[in-house]
């Protein structure tokens, strides 16, 4: 699965540094994490920048 950095997801379960949370992406729920020292709260929109196994890698939305 390739992402063009414009794919958006909505945080459903808090994502904390070094911990997985959950996002709604393409009409499905996915585990998600961020490789940066950021925390995302439910309802925030994030960018999907990659995938590690079945976990989406997300960053702050631009």
N, C-alpha and C. Protein backbone atom coordinates (compact mmCIF):
# COMPACT_ATOMS: atom_id res chain seq x y z
N UNK A 1 0.85 -1.17 0.00
CA UNK A 1 0.00 0.00 0.00
C UNK A 1 0.89 1.23 0.00
N UNK A 2 0.69 2.12 -0.95
CA UNK A 2 1.47 3.35 -1.04
C UNK A 2 0.61 4.54 -0.65
N UNK A 3 1.25 5.52 -0.04
CA UNK A 3 0.56 6.72 0.39
C UNK A 3 1.25 7.93 -0.21
N UNK A 4 0.46 8.94 -0.58
CA UNK A 4 1.04 10.12 -1.22
C UNK A 4 1.12 11.32 -0.26
N UNK A 5 1.05 11.06 1.04
CA UNK A 5 1.13 12.09 2.08
C UNK A 5 -0.08 13.03 2.11
N UNK A 6 -1.09 12.76 1.27
CA UNK A 6 -2.30 13.56 1.35
C UNK A 6 -3.46 12.72 1.87
N UNK A 7 -3.20 11.44 2.17
CA UNK A 7 -4.23 10.56 2.71
C UNK A 7 -4.50 10.97 4.16
N UNK A 8 -5.75 11.17 4.49
CA UNK A 8 -6.12 11.62 5.82
C UNK A 8 -6.82 10.51 6.59
N UNK A 9 -6.66 10.54 7.90
CA UNK A 9 -7.35 9.62 8.80
C UNK A 9 -7.83 10.42 10.00
N UNK A 10 -8.82 9.90 10.70
CA UNK A 10 -9.35 10.55 11.89
C UNK A 10 -9.00 9.69 13.10
N UNK A 11 -8.39 10.30 14.09
CA UNK A 11 -7.99 9.58 15.29
C UNK A 11 -9.24 9.18 16.07
N UNK A 12 -9.32 7.90 16.43
CA UNK A 12 -10.44 7.38 17.22
C UNK A 12 -10.00 7.08 18.65
N UNK A 13 -8.78 6.61 18.81
CA UNK A 13 -8.20 6.29 20.11
C UNK A 13 -6.85 6.98 20.21
N UNK A 14 -6.62 7.67 21.31
CA UNK A 14 -5.41 8.48 21.48
C UNK A 14 -4.14 7.75 21.01
N UNK A 15 -3.29 8.50 20.31
CA UNK A 15 -1.98 8.00 19.86
C UNK A 15 -0.93 8.77 20.64
N UNK A 16 -0.13 8.06 21.42
CA UNK A 16 0.92 8.68 22.24
C UNK A 16 2.28 8.26 21.73
N UNK A 17 3.32 9.01 22.08
CA UNK A 17 4.67 8.64 21.65
C UNK A 17 5.00 7.19 22.07
N UNK A 18 5.52 6.42 21.13
CA UNK A 18 5.91 5.02 21.35
C UNK A 18 4.76 4.09 21.72
N UNK A 19 3.51 4.52 21.46
CA UNK A 19 2.35 3.68 21.72
C UNK A 19 1.40 3.74 20.53
N UNK A 20 0.69 2.65 20.31
CA UNK A 20 -0.30 2.63 19.23
C UNK A 20 -1.64 3.13 19.72
N UNK A 21 -2.35 3.75 18.80
CA UNK A 21 -3.73 4.14 19.02
C UNK A 21 -4.54 3.56 17.87
N UNK A 22 -5.63 4.22 17.52
CA UNK A 22 -6.47 3.72 16.43
C UNK A 22 -7.01 4.90 15.62
N UNK A 23 -7.11 4.70 14.31
CA UNK A 23 -7.67 5.71 13.42
C UNK A 23 -8.73 5.09 12.52
N UNK A 24 -9.57 5.97 11.99
CA UNK A 24 -10.55 5.59 10.96
C UNK A 24 -9.93 6.02 9.64
N UNK A 25 -9.70 5.05 8.74
CA UNK A 25 -9.03 5.32 7.46
C UNK A 25 -9.69 4.48 6.38
N UNK A 26 -10.11 5.12 5.31
CA UNK A 26 -10.76 4.45 4.18
C UNK A 26 -11.88 3.51 4.65
N UNK A 27 -12.75 4.04 5.50
CA UNK A 27 -13.93 3.32 6.00
C UNK A 27 -13.62 2.08 6.83
N UNK A 28 -12.42 2.01 7.41
CA UNK A 28 -12.03 0.91 8.29
C UNK A 28 -11.28 1.46 9.50
N UNK A 29 -11.25 0.66 10.56
CA UNK A 29 -10.46 1.01 11.74
C UNK A 29 -9.09 0.38 11.61
N UNK A 30 -8.05 1.16 11.91
CA UNK A 30 -6.66 0.69 11.80
C UNK A 30 -5.88 1.04 13.06
N UNK A 31 -4.97 0.15 13.50
CA UNK A 31 -4.01 0.57 14.52
C UNK A 31 -3.09 1.62 13.90
N UNK A 32 -2.66 2.57 14.69
CA UNK A 32 -1.81 3.64 14.15
C UNK A 32 -0.79 4.09 15.20
N UNK A 33 0.35 4.56 14.70
CA UNK A 33 1.39 5.10 15.58
C UNK A 33 2.07 6.26 14.87
N UNK A 34 2.78 7.06 15.65
CA UNK A 34 3.55 8.18 15.11
C UNK A 34 4.99 7.99 15.54
N UNK A 35 5.93 8.15 14.60
CA UNK A 35 7.35 7.99 14.90
C UNK A 35 7.96 9.24 15.55
N UNK A 36 7.17 10.27 15.73
CA UNK A 36 7.65 11.51 16.34
C UNK A 36 7.11 11.62 17.76
N UNK A 37 7.64 12.55 18.52
CA UNK A 37 7.23 12.74 19.91
C UNK A 37 5.97 13.61 19.95
N UNK A 38 4.87 13.07 19.41
CA UNK A 38 3.61 13.79 19.34
C UNK A 38 2.49 12.94 19.91
N UNK A 39 1.47 13.61 20.43
CA UNK A 39 0.27 12.93 20.90
C UNK A 39 -0.91 13.46 20.10
N UNK A 40 -1.77 12.55 19.65
CA UNK A 40 -2.97 12.92 18.90
C UNK A 40 -4.19 12.46 19.68
N UNK A 41 -5.16 13.36 19.79
CA UNK A 41 -6.38 13.11 20.54
C UNK A 41 -7.50 12.66 19.59
N UNK A 42 -8.50 11.93 20.13
CA UNK A 42 -9.64 11.54 19.29
C UNK A 42 -10.27 12.75 18.60
N UNK A 43 -10.60 12.56 17.35
CA UNK A 43 -11.21 13.61 16.54
C UNK A 43 -10.22 14.38 15.69
N UNK A 44 -8.93 14.31 16.02
CA UNK A 44 -7.91 15.01 15.22
C UNK A 44 -7.74 14.33 13.86
N UNK A 45 -7.46 15.14 12.85
CA UNK A 45 -7.17 14.63 11.51
C UNK A 45 -5.65 14.52 11.37
N UNK A 46 -5.19 13.37 10.90
CA UNK A 46 -3.76 13.12 10.73
C UNK A 46 -3.50 12.67 9.29
N UNK A 47 -2.23 12.78 8.88
CA UNK A 47 -1.80 12.30 7.55
C UNK A 47 -1.25 10.89 7.70
N UNK A 48 -1.61 10.03 6.78
CA UNK A 48 -1.05 8.67 6.74
C UNK A 48 0.17 8.72 5.83
N UNK A 49 1.34 8.38 6.39
CA UNK A 49 2.59 8.49 5.62
C UNK A 49 3.25 7.15 5.35
N UNK A 50 2.72 6.07 5.92
CA UNK A 50 3.30 4.76 5.69
C UNK A 50 2.56 3.69 6.44
N UNK A 51 3.10 2.48 6.34
CA UNK A 51 2.49 1.34 7.03
C UNK A 51 3.61 0.41 7.50
N UNK A 52 3.45 -0.13 8.70
CA UNK A 52 4.38 -1.08 9.28
C UNK A 52 3.57 -2.31 9.68
N UNK A 53 3.65 -3.35 8.86
CA UNK A 53 2.83 -4.54 9.05
C UNK A 53 1.37 -4.14 8.84
N UNK A 54 0.54 -4.13 9.90
CA UNK A 54 -0.85 -3.66 9.74
C UNK A 54 -1.09 -2.36 10.49
N UNK A 55 -0.02 -1.71 10.93
CA UNK A 55 -0.14 -0.46 11.67
C UNK A 55 0.20 0.72 10.77
N UNK A 56 -0.70 1.69 10.69
CA UNK A 56 -0.44 2.88 9.89
C UNK A 56 0.51 3.81 10.63
N UNK A 57 1.39 4.46 9.88
CA UNK A 57 2.28 5.48 10.42
C UNK A 57 1.64 6.82 10.09
N UNK A 58 1.43 7.65 11.09
CA UNK A 58 0.75 8.93 10.87
C UNK A 58 1.59 10.08 11.38
N UNK A 59 1.29 11.26 10.85
CA UNK A 59 1.93 12.51 11.27
C UNK A 59 0.85 13.58 11.35
N UNK A 60 1.23 14.72 11.86
CA UNK A 60 0.30 15.84 11.95
C UNK A 60 -0.17 16.23 10.56
N UNK A 61 -1.44 16.56 10.45
CA UNK A 61 -2.00 17.00 9.18
C UNK A 61 -1.52 18.41 8.88
N UNK A 62 -1.26 18.68 7.61
CA UNK A 62 -0.82 20.02 7.21
C UNK A 62 -1.98 20.96 7.03
